Amino acid sequence: MDYKGILFPVALFLVAFYVWTLPIQESRLPFGEGDAAWHFGVGDFISSQDKTIDRLPPYIGYWYYLFNPVLGPFALEYPPSNHVNYAFMQAFGGDRFASVYIFKAITSFLGVFSVYFLVSRLYGSIAGFAAGLGLSFSSREITTYLWGQQPTLLSVVIVPVVLYSFFMYLSSVFEGKPRNVYLYVTSLLLASQYLLHIQGVLVSVFVMGIFAVAMVLKYKRVPFRSISLVHLGICLLMLGAVVLPFLMIYFGPESDLADRGSFSRLFSWTIDPKLQSGAYPDSFFSFSSNYGVFLLPFIMAGVVFLLVRRKDQDVLMLSWILAIYVILHFDVFFGASIVRVARMLIAEPQLFFALSAIGAVGLAGMVRVPGIDRAVLRLVFSSVLVLLIIFTIGISSFGFLKSAYASDMRVSDAELEASSWISSNLPEDAVIYNVGTITYPKMRFMHVVSGRFTNNKDSGFSFGNVSLVPTHYLFDYSDVSRFKGFEGRVEQMKAFEKSINGTVLYDRNGIKIFEVKNV
């Protein structure tokens, strides 16, 4: 038995699990941005109903009321897969928050094993371990996980496995001995990506398409005789059965197209942070912040190795490079929103860490030392890469995750207690005006835990042709008191509270809830 086939995956899991669950180890209170609250809220609602849903509850649907002009108000915005999984975690995990967040952490870092699987199968287990370890510390993936955009991240996690399956199928077709089982596996994997988020499917399809063209050019023929139209037709029907029921979820909303990006963008790989100022930190787009400058020589060595050798697996990797380039320039080629293009950057680290690992073993093949076996050199170069990863981006990511969403930046026990009281005591159509909760994400977690629509505007809330008038006011003194410099805001809240014509229903732990009398 190959000990590396057991030791490497176990080591990768232990490292990734420990590092990615650091925010949960620090506190079991939920964390994340508005997206995290939204996705948790849908799963939480499914759990409370003990059944799947085909319409969002109004308190969640009002976030994007009438967002889908084809399916109408409160239509699902994603296939239910992720949210049903969250409900299952609550049912079987025994905890409303921690079980869901542990599940999110594990599924978010599964790309570590996806990359390890692909690279180890094509270039050896040592290279696979180095690539997987690098991805376990990928700050771009970690940031996306912390923010709560897990459906997108999870769909991208599957990409390397899709590519391996399609590689095995297409290689067998060009050999004249088609292994159609891989065609079916590829179809099932694409369907699973689609049920998570369409962005992962786009990555897979572009790589597969470019790879197919590249193989035709390499072999100077199209192997029609080896392609079974029956098997291909069955796979297309399988995909259609999954795609069609949820098609309008993805394409019903208003167009996400924007003005075409500048032609000059084609001469740069990534996105200028100025194009996404305020939406992402500048570090999200920085090569050195995400990989460390040390990785660039290994990546370049990997590209050179692929260009020189050009075996079928090398053609796949080169196709992956070209596909990511095209995807990161969707705004130029197709007029896509730069917001969507920026989100596609999470597909890049899988490629770069894989290339760096291939570069390490490629360098070992270029160096000749008398009396030292090539296998030893591969181990040495890969070990150097692993150590560089651990002592640069590894230490950085550890500190980042350990300090992420410190207690003051999470919804508090007092806020969760008040939200639970609202859920049990206020009518389902209650509209709550929140005064005092500092950050938008915390207010949204209170929103979904309470199951009542909450906002921080001091007047009616308008969504399409629907206007909502506050029926209750929530004064959150517990939050403003946790931060320095908000003394003036506390006084303003107290003055506003005195002007409220209402009855106090809840007064606990620095939080007051009024029922408004003049509505």
Protein backbone atom coordinates (compact mmCIF):
# COMPACT_ATOMS: atom_id res chain seq x y z
CA MET A 1 0.00 0.00 0.00
CA ASP A 2 1.23 3.50 -0.88
CA TYR A 3 1.55 5.25 2.48
CA LYS A 4 1.50 8.65 0.75
CA GLY A 5 -2.02 7.98 -0.54
CA ILE A 6 -3.21 7.88 3.08
CA LEU A 7 -0.77 10.15 4.89
CA PHE A 8 -1.05 13.16 2.56
CA PRO A 9 -4.88 13.45 2.51
CA VAL A 10 -5.07 12.94 6.30
CA ALA A 11 -2.43 15.64 6.87
CA LEU A 12 -4.23 18.02 4.51
CA PHE A 13 -7.54 17.48 6.27
CA LEU A 14 -6.11 18.02 9.75
CA VAL A 15 -4.37 21.24 8.71
CA ALA A 16 -7.33 22.63 6.78
CA PHE A 17 -9.90 21.65 9.40
CA TYR A 18 -7.94 23.23 12.23
CA VAL A 19 -7.18 26.45 10.36
CA TRP A 20 -10.57 27.02 8.70
CA THR A 21 -12.55 26.36 11.89
CA LEU A 22 -10.53 28.88 13.94
CA PRO A 23 -13.39 31.45 13.86
CA ILE A 24 -15.76 28.79 15.22
CA GLN A 25 -13.25 27.74 17.87
CA GLU A 26 -13.04 31.36 19.02
CA SER A 27 -16.83 31.72 19.32
CA ARG A 28 -19.91 29.74 18.35
CA LEU A 29 -21.83 32.91 17.52
CA PRO A 30 -22.57 33.28 13.77
CA PHE A 31 -20.31 35.47 11.63
CA GLY A 32 -20.08 36.79 8.11
CA GLU A 33 -21.44 39.54 5.90
CA GLY A 34 -24.98 40.03 4.66
CA ASP A 35 -24.62 37.06 2.29
CA ALA A 36 -23.78 34.80 5.24
CA ALA A 37 -26.92 35.89 7.08
CA TRP A 38 -29.06 35.48 3.96
CA HIS A 39 -27.90 31.93 3.20
CA PHE A 40 -28.11 30.90 6.84
CA GLY A 41 -31.60 32.38 7.05
CA VAL A 42 -32.95 30.35 4.14
CA GLY A 43 -31.60 27.10 5.59
CA ASP A 44 -32.83 28.09 9.03
CA PHE A 45 -36.33 28.66 7.66
CA ILE A 46 -36.33 25.29 5.86
CA SER A 47 -35.30 23.65 9.14
CA SER A 48 -38.13 25.37 11.03
CA GLN A 49 -40.66 24.19 8.41
CA ASP A 50 -39.20 20.67 8.26
CA LYS A 51 -39.67 20.65 4.50
CA THR A 52 -38.15 22.12 1.35
CA ILE A 53 -39.60 25.33 -0.09
CA ASP A 54 -40.30 26.78 -3.52
CA ARG A 55 -40.84 30.34 -2.27
CA LEU A 56 -38.84 32.44 0.16
CA PRO A 57 -40.62 33.68 3.28
CA PRO A 58 -41.49 37.39 2.98
CA TYR A 59 -38.98 38.53 5.61
CA ILE A 60 -36.19 37.08 3.44
CA GLY A 61 -37.78 37.76 0.08
CA TYR A 62 -38.12 41.46 0.84
CA TRP A 63 -34.34 41.79 0.71
CA TYR A 64 -34.66 41.48 -3.08
CA TYR A 65 -38.40 41.89 -3.54
CA LEU A 66 -39.52 41.27 -7.13
CA PHE A 67 -35.89 40.47 -7.97
CA ASN A 68 -36.93 37.80 -10.48
CA PRO A 69 -39.37 39.23 -13.07
CA VAL A 70 -39.97 35.79 -14.59
CA LEU A 71 -40.72 33.71 -11.48
CA GLY A 72 -42.33 36.54 -9.54
CA PRO A 73 -41.94 37.72 -5.94
CA PHE A 74 -40.17 35.59 -3.36
CA ALA A 75 -38.79 33.16 -5.95
CA LEU A 76 -35.77 31.12 -4.93
CA GLU A 77 -32.54 32.81 -5.93
CA TYR A 78 -30.48 29.61 -5.80
CA PRO A 79 -31.30 25.95 -6.24
CA PRO A 80 -32.18 24.62 -2.78
CA SER A 81 -29.14 22.33 -2.39
CA ASN A 82 -26.99 24.48 -0.10
CA HIS A 83 -29.85 25.62 2.08
CA VAL A 84 -31.30 22.14 2.50
CA ASN A 85 -27.83 21.02 3.61
CA TYR A 86 -27.82 23.73 6.29
CA ALA A 87 -31.21 22.50 7.49
CA PHE A 88 -29.89 18.94 7.67
CA MET A 89 -26.91 20.14 9.71
CA GLN A 90 -29.23 21.82 12.20
CA ALA A 91 -31.37 18.69 12.43
CA PHE A 92 -28.50 16.26 12.94
CA GLY A 93 -25.79 18.51 14.36
CA GLY A 94 -27.63 19.45 17.52
CA ASP A 95 -26.78 23.16 17.33
CA ARG A 96 -28.48 25.96 15.41
CA PHE A 97 -25.27 27.77 14.50
CA ALA A 98 -22.11 25.72 15.16
CA SER A 99 -23.18 22.66 13.16
CA VAL A 100 -23.96 24.80 10.11
CA TYR A 101 -20.67 26.70 10.37
CA ILE A 102 -18.59 23.54 10.76
CA PHE A 103 -20.32 22.17 7.65
CA LYS A 104 -19.60 25.41 5.79
CA ALA A 105 -15.93 25.29 6.79
CA ILE A 106 -15.44 21.68 5.67
CA THR A 107 -17.25 22.07 2.35
CA SER A 108 -15.43 25.35 1.67
CA PHE A 109 -11.97 23.79 1.98
CA LEU A 110 -12.81 20.66 -0.02
CA GLY A 111 -11.00 22.29 -2.93
CA VAL A 112 -7.82 21.28 -1.09
CA PHE A 113 -8.63 17.63 -1.84
CA SER A 114 -9.99 18.35 -5.30
CA VAL A 115 -6.69 19.95 -6.33
CA TYR A 116 -4.69 17.25 -4.53
CA PHE A 117 -6.63 14.57 -6.42
CA LEU A 118 -6.09 16.13 -9.85
CA VAL A 119 -2.41 17.01 -9.44
CA SER A 120 -1.45 13.76 -7.70
CA ARG A 121 -3.13 11.71 -10.42
CA LEU A 122 -1.41 13.59 -13.22
CA TYR A 123 1.93 14.63 -11.69
CA GLY A 124 2.49 12.56 -8.56
CA SER A 125 1.36 12.61 -4.94
CA ILE A 126 4.18 14.88 -3.73
CA ALA A 127 3.15 17.59 -6.18
CA GLY A 128 -0.49 17.01 -5.23
CA PHE A 129 0.30 17.51 -1.55
CA ALA A 130 2.13 20.78 -2.20
CA ALA A 131 -0.75 22.10 -4.35
CA GLY A 132 -3.37 21.07 -1.78
CA LEU A 133 -1.43 22.60 1.10
CA GLY A 134 -1.13 25.89 -0.75
CA LEU A 135 -4.87 26.01 -1.35
CA SER A 136 -5.57 25.30 2.32
CA PHE A 137 -3.99 28.71 3.05
CA SER A 138 -5.50 30.58 0.09
CA SER A 139 -6.56 33.96 1.46
CA ARG A 140 -8.94 34.52 -1.45
CA GLU A 141 -10.87 31.32 -0.71
CA ILE A 142 -10.72 32.02 3.01
CA THR A 143 -12.05 35.56 2.53
CA THR A 144 -14.95 34.28 0.42
CA TYR A 145 -15.73 31.67 3.10
CA LEU A 146 -15.64 34.28 5.87
CA TRP A 147 -17.91 36.62 3.97
CA GLY A 148 -20.45 33.83 3.49
CA GLN A 149 -20.49 33.42 -0.30
CA GLN A 150 -20.25 29.68 0.12
CA PRO A 151 -22.46 28.49 -2.79
CA THR A 152 -20.09 30.14 -5.28
CA LEU A 153 -17.02 28.79 -3.51
CA LEU A 154 -18.40 25.26 -3.25
CA SER A 155 -19.24 25.12 -6.96
CA VAL A 156 -15.65 26.12 -7.79
CA VAL A 157 -14.32 23.46 -5.37
CA ILE A 158 -15.53 20.78 -7.78
CA VAL A 159 -13.72 22.15 -10.87
CA PRO A 160 -10.49 20.05 -10.64
CA VAL A 161 -12.46 16.82 -10.28
CA VAL A 162 -14.59 17.71 -13.32
CA LEU A 163 -11.43 18.41 -15.29
CA TYR A 164 -9.84 15.09 -14.32
CA SER A 165 -12.95 13.16 -15.30
CA PHE A 166 -13.22 14.93 -18.66
CA PHE A 167 -9.49 14.48 -19.23
CA MET A 168 -9.82 10.72 -18.71
CA TYR A 169 -12.76 10.57 -21.11
CA LEU A 170 -11.27 12.70 -23.89
CA SER A 171 -7.85 11.02 -23.68
CA SER A 172 -9.51 7.64 -24.07
CA VAL A 173 -11.48 8.92 -27.07
CA PHE A 174 -8.31 10.03 -28.86
CA GLU A 175 -6.75 6.65 -28.04
CA GLY A 176 -9.68 4.98 -29.82
CA LYS A 177 -10.77 3.19 -26.64
CA PRO A 178 -13.49 5.47 -25.20
CA ARG A 179 -14.23 5.00 -21.51
CA ASN A 180 -17.78 6.33 -21.45
CA VAL A 181 -18.07 5.95 -17.70
CA TYR A 182 -16.00 9.13 -17.40
CA LEU A 183 -18.44 10.96 -19.66
CA TYR A 184 -21.26 10.07 -17.26
CA VAL A 185 -19.19 11.07 -14.24
CA THR A 186 -18.38 14.40 -15.89
CA SER A 187 -22.06 15.03 -16.54
CA LEU A 188 -23.04 14.23 -12.97
CA LEU A 189 -20.31 16.50 -11.61
CA LEU A 190 -21.42 19.36 -13.88
CA ALA A 191 -24.99 18.86 -12.69
CA SER A 192 -23.86 19.02 -9.06
CA GLN A 193 -21.98 22.24 -9.77
CA TYR A 194 -25.06 23.73 -11.39
CA LEU A 195 -27.15 22.91 -8.31
CA LEU A 196 -24.65 24.82 -6.17
CA HIS A 197 -23.84 27.85 -8.31
CA ILE A 198 -23.50 28.47 -12.02
CA GLN A 199 -20.09 30.16 -11.73
CA GLY A 200 -18.33 26.85 -11.14
CA VAL A 201 -19.99 25.41 -14.24
CA LEU A 202 -18.68 28.30 -16.33
CA VAL A 203 -15.12 27.56 -15.23
CA SER A 204 -15.44 23.85 -15.99
CA VAL A 205 -17.11 24.35 -19.36
CA PHE A 206 -14.56 26.89 -20.58
CA VAL A 207 -11.62 24.69 -19.59
CA MET A 208 -13.25 21.62 -21.15
CA GLY A 209 -14.05 23.47 -24.37
CA ILE A 210 -10.54 24.87 -24.78
CA PHE A 211 -9.02 21.50 -23.90
CA ALA A 212 -11.13 19.73 -26.53
CA VAL A 213 -10.03 22.21 -29.21
CA ALA A 214 -6.40 21.95 -28.08
CA MET A 215 -6.50 18.14 -28.33
CA VAL A 216 -7.90 18.33 -31.84
CA LEU A 217 -5.07 20.69 -32.81
CA LYS A 218 -2.47 18.49 -31.14
CA TYR A 219 -3.59 15.27 -32.84
CA LYS A 220 -4.78 17.01 -36.04
CA ARG A 221 -7.99 15.01 -36.15
CA VAL A 222 -11.49 14.83 -34.72
CA PRO A 223 -12.15 11.28 -33.40
CA PHE A 224 -15.81 11.09 -34.45
CA ARG A 225 -15.77 7.27 -34.63
CA SER A 226 -14.84 7.01 -30.95
CA ILE A 227 -17.65 9.28 -29.78
CA SER A 228 -20.86 7.41 -29.01
CA LEU A 229 -23.85 9.58 -29.85
CA VAL A 230 -26.03 7.36 -27.67
CA HIS A 231 -23.94 7.92 -24.55
CA LEU A 232 -23.53 11.61 -25.38
CA GLY A 233 -27.29 11.98 -25.87
CA ILE A 234 -28.07 10.28 -22.56
CA CYS A 235 -25.64 12.58 -20.74
CA LEU A 236 -27.17 15.66 -22.36
CA LEU A 237 -30.64 14.50 -21.31
CA MET A 238 -29.40 13.97 -17.76
CA LEU A 239 -27.96 17.48 -17.68
CA GLY A 240 -31.13 18.93 -19.19
CA ALA A 241 -33.24 17.28 -16.50
CA VAL A 242 -31.21 19.11 -13.86
CA VAL A 243 -30.69 22.40 -15.69
CA LEU A 244 -34.19 23.18 -16.97
CA PRO A 245 -36.15 23.21 -13.68
CA PHE A 246 -33.80 25.85 -12.24
CA LEU A 247 -32.96 27.76 -15.41
CA MET A 248 -35.07 30.81 -14.57
CA ILE A 249 -33.42 31.12 -11.16
CA TYR A 250 -30.20 32.01 -12.94
CA PHE A 251 -31.51 33.80 -16.01
CA GLY A 252 -34.77 35.27 -14.79
CA PRO A 253 -33.24 38.22 -12.90
CA GLU A 254 -32.46 41.44 -14.66
CA SER A 255 -29.42 41.36 -16.91
CA ASP A 256 -26.09 41.60 -15.16
CA LEU A 257 -24.38 42.96 -18.25
CA ALA A 258 -22.56 46.27 -18.09
CA ASP A 259 -20.47 48.42 -20.39
CA ARG A 260 -17.60 46.49 -21.90
CA GLY A 261 -14.33 46.73 -20.04
CA SER A 262 -11.43 48.67 -21.47
CA PHE A 263 -9.40 46.93 -24.19
CA SER A 264 -6.26 47.68 -22.17
CA ARG A 265 -7.46 45.15 -19.57
CA LEU A 266 -6.43 42.39 -21.97
CA PHE A 267 -2.79 43.19 -21.24
CA SER A 268 -3.14 42.49 -17.51
CA TRP A 269 -4.04 39.24 -15.82
CA THR A 270 -6.03 40.45 -12.84
CA ILE A 271 -8.40 43.34 -12.08
CA ASP A 272 -7.42 46.85 -11.08
CA PRO A 273 -8.61 47.29 -7.46
CA LYS A 274 -9.88 50.76 -8.38
CA LEU A 275 -12.60 49.11 -10.48
CA GLN A 276 -13.97 47.46 -7.32
CA SER A 277 -13.15 50.11 -4.73
CA GLY A 278 -15.22 49.58 -1.59
CA ALA A 279 -16.51 46.15 -2.64
CA TYR A 280 -13.27 44.25 -2.03
CA PRO A 281 -10.07 45.09 -0.15
CA ASP A 282 -7.12 45.86 -2.44
CA SER A 283 -5.35 42.77 -1.09
CA PHE A 284 -8.00 40.58 -2.75
CA PHE A 285 -6.50 41.47 -6.15
CA SER A 286 -2.83 41.46 -5.13
CA PHE A 287 -0.63 38.55 -6.20
CA SER A 288 1.83 39.00 -3.33
CA SER A 289 -0.97 39.20 -0.75
CA ASN A 290 -2.57 35.98 -1.95
CA TYR A 291 0.46 33.88 -2.85
CA GLY A 292 3.64 35.57 -1.73
CA VAL A 293 6.22 36.66 -4.28
CA PHE A 294 8.12 33.37 -3.80
CA LEU A 295 5.41 31.46 -5.69
CA LEU A 296 5.91 33.29 -8.99
CA PRO A 297 9.16 31.47 -10.00
CA PHE A 298 7.52 28.11 -9.30
CA ILE A 299 4.45 29.08 -11.36
CA MET A 300 6.60 30.24 -14.27
CA ALA A 301 8.66 27.05 -14.06
CA GLY A 302 5.43 25.07 -14.19
CA VAL A 303 4.25 26.91 -17.31
CA VAL A 304 7.60 26.37 -19.03
CA PHE A 305 7.54 22.69 -18.10
CA LEU A 306 4.05 22.31 -19.61
CA LEU A 307 4.97 24.15 -22.82
CA VAL A 308 8.11 22.08 -23.33
CA ARG A 309 6.67 18.65 -22.57
CA ARG A 310 3.10 18.98 -23.98
CA LYS A 311 1.72 15.61 -22.92
CA ASP A 312 -2.07 15.32 -22.76
CA GLN A 313 -2.17 16.31 -19.09
CA ASP A 314 0.06 19.28 -19.87
CA VAL A 315 -2.38 20.37 -22.58
CA LEU A 316 -5.16 20.21 -19.97
CA MET A 317 -3.25 22.49 -17.61
CA LEU A 318 -2.42 24.94 -20.41
CA SER A 319 -6.10 24.98 -21.37
CA TRP A 320 -6.93 25.75 -17.75
CA ILE A 321 -4.60 28.77 -17.86
CA LEU A 322 -6.22 30.12 -21.02
CA ALA A 323 -9.72 29.51 -19.69
CA ILE A 324 -9.04 31.42 -16.46
CA TYR A 325 -7.61 34.30 -18.50
CA VAL A 326 -10.79 34.45 -20.61
CA ILE A 327 -13.03 34.22 -17.53
CA LEU A 328 -11.16 37.02 -15.78
CA HIS A 329 -11.83 39.20 -18.84
CA PHE A 330 -15.53 38.47 -19.29
CA ASP A 331 -16.18 42.21 -19.04
CA VAL A 332 -14.05 42.79 -22.14
CA PHE A 333 -15.21 39.79 -24.19
CA PHE A 334 -18.89 39.67 -23.22
CA GLY A 335 -19.67 42.92 -21.41
CA ALA A 336 -20.22 41.15 -18.09
CA SER A 337 -20.40 43.12 -14.86
CA ILE A 338 -16.99 43.70 -13.28
CA VAL A 339 -18.59 42.63 -9.98
CA ARG A 340 -19.15 39.14 -11.38
CA VAL A 341 -15.69 39.04 -12.90
CA ALA A 342 -14.16 39.90 -9.52
CA ARG A 343 -16.01 37.01 -7.92
CA MET A 344 -14.48 34.65 -10.47
CA LEU A 345 -11.05 35.32 -8.98
CA ILE A 346 -11.70 32.50 -6.49
CA ALA A 347 -11.15 30.09 -9.41
CA GLU A 348 -7.56 31.29 -9.86
CA PRO A 349 -5.79 29.88 -6.73
CA GLN A 350 -6.53 26.27 -7.67
CA LEU A 351 -4.68 26.82 -10.94
CA PHE A 352 -1.75 28.79 -9.50
CA PHE A 353 -1.05 26.39 -6.64
CA ALA A 354 -1.27 23.46 -9.06
CA LEU A 355 1.16 25.20 -11.45
CA SER A 356 3.59 25.94 -8.62
CA ALA A 357 3.62 22.28 -7.56
CA ILE A 358 4.14 21.18 -11.16
CA GLY A 359 6.95 23.74 -11.38
CA ALA A 360 8.64 22.19 -8.34
CA VAL A 361 8.68 18.69 -9.84
CA GLY A 362 9.56 20.16 -13.24
CA LEU A 363 12.59 21.93 -11.81
CA ALA A 364 13.67 18.66 -10.26
CA GLY A 365 13.59 17.12 -13.72
CA MET A 366 15.80 19.87 -15.15
CA VAL A 367 18.49 19.57 -12.47
CA ARG A 368 21.03 16.76 -12.65
CA VAL A 369 23.12 15.97 -9.55
CA PRO A 370 25.47 12.98 -9.80
CA GLY A 371 24.52 10.21 -7.40
CA ILE A 372 21.11 11.68 -6.51
CA ASP A 373 17.97 10.09 -7.89
CA ARG A 374 15.31 12.19 -9.63
CA ALA A 375 12.72 11.11 -7.03
CA VAL A 376 14.90 12.56 -4.28
CA LEU A 377 15.23 15.83 -6.17
CA ARG A 378 11.44 16.01 -6.62
CA LEU A 379 11.06 15.54 -2.88
CA VAL A 380 13.64 18.25 -2.16
CA PHE A 381 12.13 20.86 -4.50
CA SER A 382 8.59 20.08 -3.33
CA SER A 383 9.70 20.29 0.31
CA VAL A 384 11.19 23.72 -0.33
CA LEU A 385 7.86 24.83 -1.83
CA VAL A 386 5.92 23.37 1.12
CA LEU A 387 8.14 25.12 3.67
CA LEU A 388 7.81 28.43 1.84
CA ILE A 389 4.02 28.02 1.81
CA ILE A 390 3.87 27.25 5.54
CA PHE A 391 6.16 30.05 6.70
CA THR A 392 4.68 32.77 4.50
CA ILE A 393 1.03 32.52 3.51
CA GLY A 394 0.41 29.75 6.06
CA ILE A 395 1.32 31.89 9.06
CA SER A 396 -0.49 34.87 7.55
CA SER A 397 -3.71 32.91 6.96
CA PHE A 398 -3.57 31.43 10.45
CA GLY A 399 -3.47 34.90 12.00
CA PHE A 400 -6.15 36.17 9.62
CA LEU A 401 -8.61 33.39 10.53
CA LYS A 402 -7.85 33.50 14.24
CA SER A 403 -8.68 37.21 14.44
CA ALA A 404 -11.53 37.18 11.92
CA TYR A 405 -14.82 38.48 13.25
CA ALA A 406 -13.71 39.21 16.80
CA SER A 407 -16.52 39.24 19.35
CA ASP A 408 -17.46 42.89 18.78
CA MET A 409 -17.97 42.20 15.07
CA ARG A 410 -20.44 39.36 15.60
CA VAL A 411 -24.06 39.37 16.60
CA SER A 412 -24.04 39.10 20.40
CA ASP A 413 -25.82 36.77 22.83
CA ALA A 414 -28.02 39.69 23.91
CA GLU A 415 -29.00 40.41 20.29
CA LEU A 416 -29.73 36.74 19.62
CA GLU A 417 -31.84 36.51 22.78
CA ALA A 418 -33.87 39.55 21.71
CA SER A 419 -34.24 38.08 18.20
CA SER A 420 -35.52 34.78 19.62
CA TRP A 421 -38.03 36.71 21.76
CA ILE A 422 -39.26 38.53 18.65
CA SER A 423 -39.68 35.21 16.84
CA SER A 424 -41.91 33.89 19.64
CA ASN A 425 -43.85 37.03 20.52
CA LEU A 426 -44.34 39.32 17.52
CA PRO A 427 -46.68 38.66 14.58
CA GLU A 428 -45.15 37.26 11.40
CA ASP A 429 -45.90 40.45 9.45
CA ALA A 430 -44.15 42.67 11.99
CA VAL A 431 -41.85 45.31 10.47
CA ILE A 432 -39.03 46.35 12.81
CA TYR A 433 -36.99 49.52 12.64
CA ASN A 434 -33.59 48.79 14.19
CA VAL A 435 -31.83 51.67 15.93
CA GLY A 436 -28.36 51.17 17.34
CA THR A 437 -27.02 47.90 15.90
CA ILE A 438 -23.72 49.08 14.46
CA THR A 439 -23.06 46.87 11.44
CA TYR A 440 -25.32 45.75 8.63
CA PRO A 441 -24.38 42.03 8.93
CA LYS A 442 -25.30 41.93 12.65
CA MET A 443 -28.65 43.53 11.92
CA ARG A 444 -29.27 40.95 9.20
CA PHE A 445 -28.46 38.06 11.53
CA MET A 446 -31.01 39.50 13.97
CA HIS A 447 -33.39 39.71 11.02
CA VAL A 448 -33.12 36.02 10.05
CA VAL A 449 -33.02 34.66 13.63
CA SER A 450 -36.14 36.64 14.53
CA GLY A 451 -37.93 35.66 11.33
CA ARG A 452 -39.27 39.21 11.06
CA PHE A 453 -38.40 41.91 8.56
CA THR A 454 -35.86 44.32 10.05
CA ASN A 455 -34.22 47.39 8.60
CA ASN A 456 -32.39 50.47 9.81
CA LYS A 457 -34.30 53.13 7.88
CA ASP A 458 -36.36 55.62 9.82
CA SER A 459 -39.28 55.66 7.37
CA GLY A 460 -41.28 53.24 5.28
CA PHE A 461 -39.47 50.57 3.30
CA SER A 462 -40.32 50.31 -0.40
CA PHE A 463 -39.78 47.21 -2.54
CA GLY A 464 -41.23 47.37 -6.00
CA ASN A 465 -44.86 48.31 -5.51
CA VAL A 466 -44.89 47.27 -1.85
CA SER A 467 -44.41 49.73 1.02
CA LEU A 468 -43.76 48.50 4.55
CA VAL A 469 -44.37 50.74 7.54
CA PRO A 470 -42.60 50.02 10.86
CA THR A 471 -44.82 48.36 13.45
CA HIS A 472 -42.06 48.05 16.06
CA TYR A 473 -38.87 49.83 17.04
CA LEU A 474 -35.80 48.08 18.44
CA PHE A 475 -33.25 50.18 20.36
CA ASP A 476 -29.96 48.30 20.59
CA TYR A 477 -27.98 50.08 23.31
CA SER A 478 -26.03 46.86 23.89
CA ASP A 479 -24.15 47.28 20.63
CA VAL A 480 -23.26 50.98 20.71
CA SER A 481 -22.00 50.57 24.28
CA ARG A 482 -19.39 48.04 23.08
CA PHE A 483 -17.55 50.66 21.01
CA LYS A 484 -15.76 53.86 21.92
CA GLY A 485 -16.75 57.08 20.23
CA PHE A 486 -20.48 56.38 20.05
CA GLU A 487 -21.49 58.39 23.11
CA GLY A 488 -23.19 61.01 20.95
CA ARG A 489 -25.15 58.33 19.15
CA VAL A 490 -26.38 56.93 22.46
CA GLU A 491 -27.74 60.35 23.41
CA GLN A 492 -29.45 60.68 20.03
CA MET A 493 -31.04 57.25 20.51
CA LYS A 494 -32.33 58.21 23.96
CA ALA A 495 -33.85 61.42 22.58
CA PHE A 496 -35.44 59.47 19.72
CA GLU A 497 -36.77 56.86 22.14
CA LYS A 498 -38.59 59.57 24.13
CA SER A 499 -40.35 60.69 20.96
CA ILE A 500 -41.72 57.23 20.25
CA ASN A 501 -45.43 56.90 20.83
CA GLY A 502 -45.42 53.27 21.81
CA THR A 503 -45.43 50.61 24.48
CA VAL A 504 -42.32 48.84 25.75
CA LEU A 505 -42.65 45.12 25.12
CA TYR A 506 -39.08 44.05 25.83
CA ASP A 507 -36.36 45.59 27.99
CA ARG A 508 -33.40 43.32 28.63
CA ASN A 509 -29.60 43.37 28.35
CA GLY A 510 -29.55 46.88 26.91
CA ILE A 511 -32.14 46.20 24.21
CA LYS A 512 -35.64 47.70 24.14
CA ILE A 513 -38.47 46.82 21.79
CA PHE A 514 -41.48 49.12 21.35
CA GLU A 515 -44.79 48.50 19.68
CA VAL A 516 -45.62 51.64 17.71
CA LYS A 517 -48.98 53.26 18.43
CA ASN A 518 -49.29 55.70 15.55
CA VAL A 519 -49.39 53.26 12.64
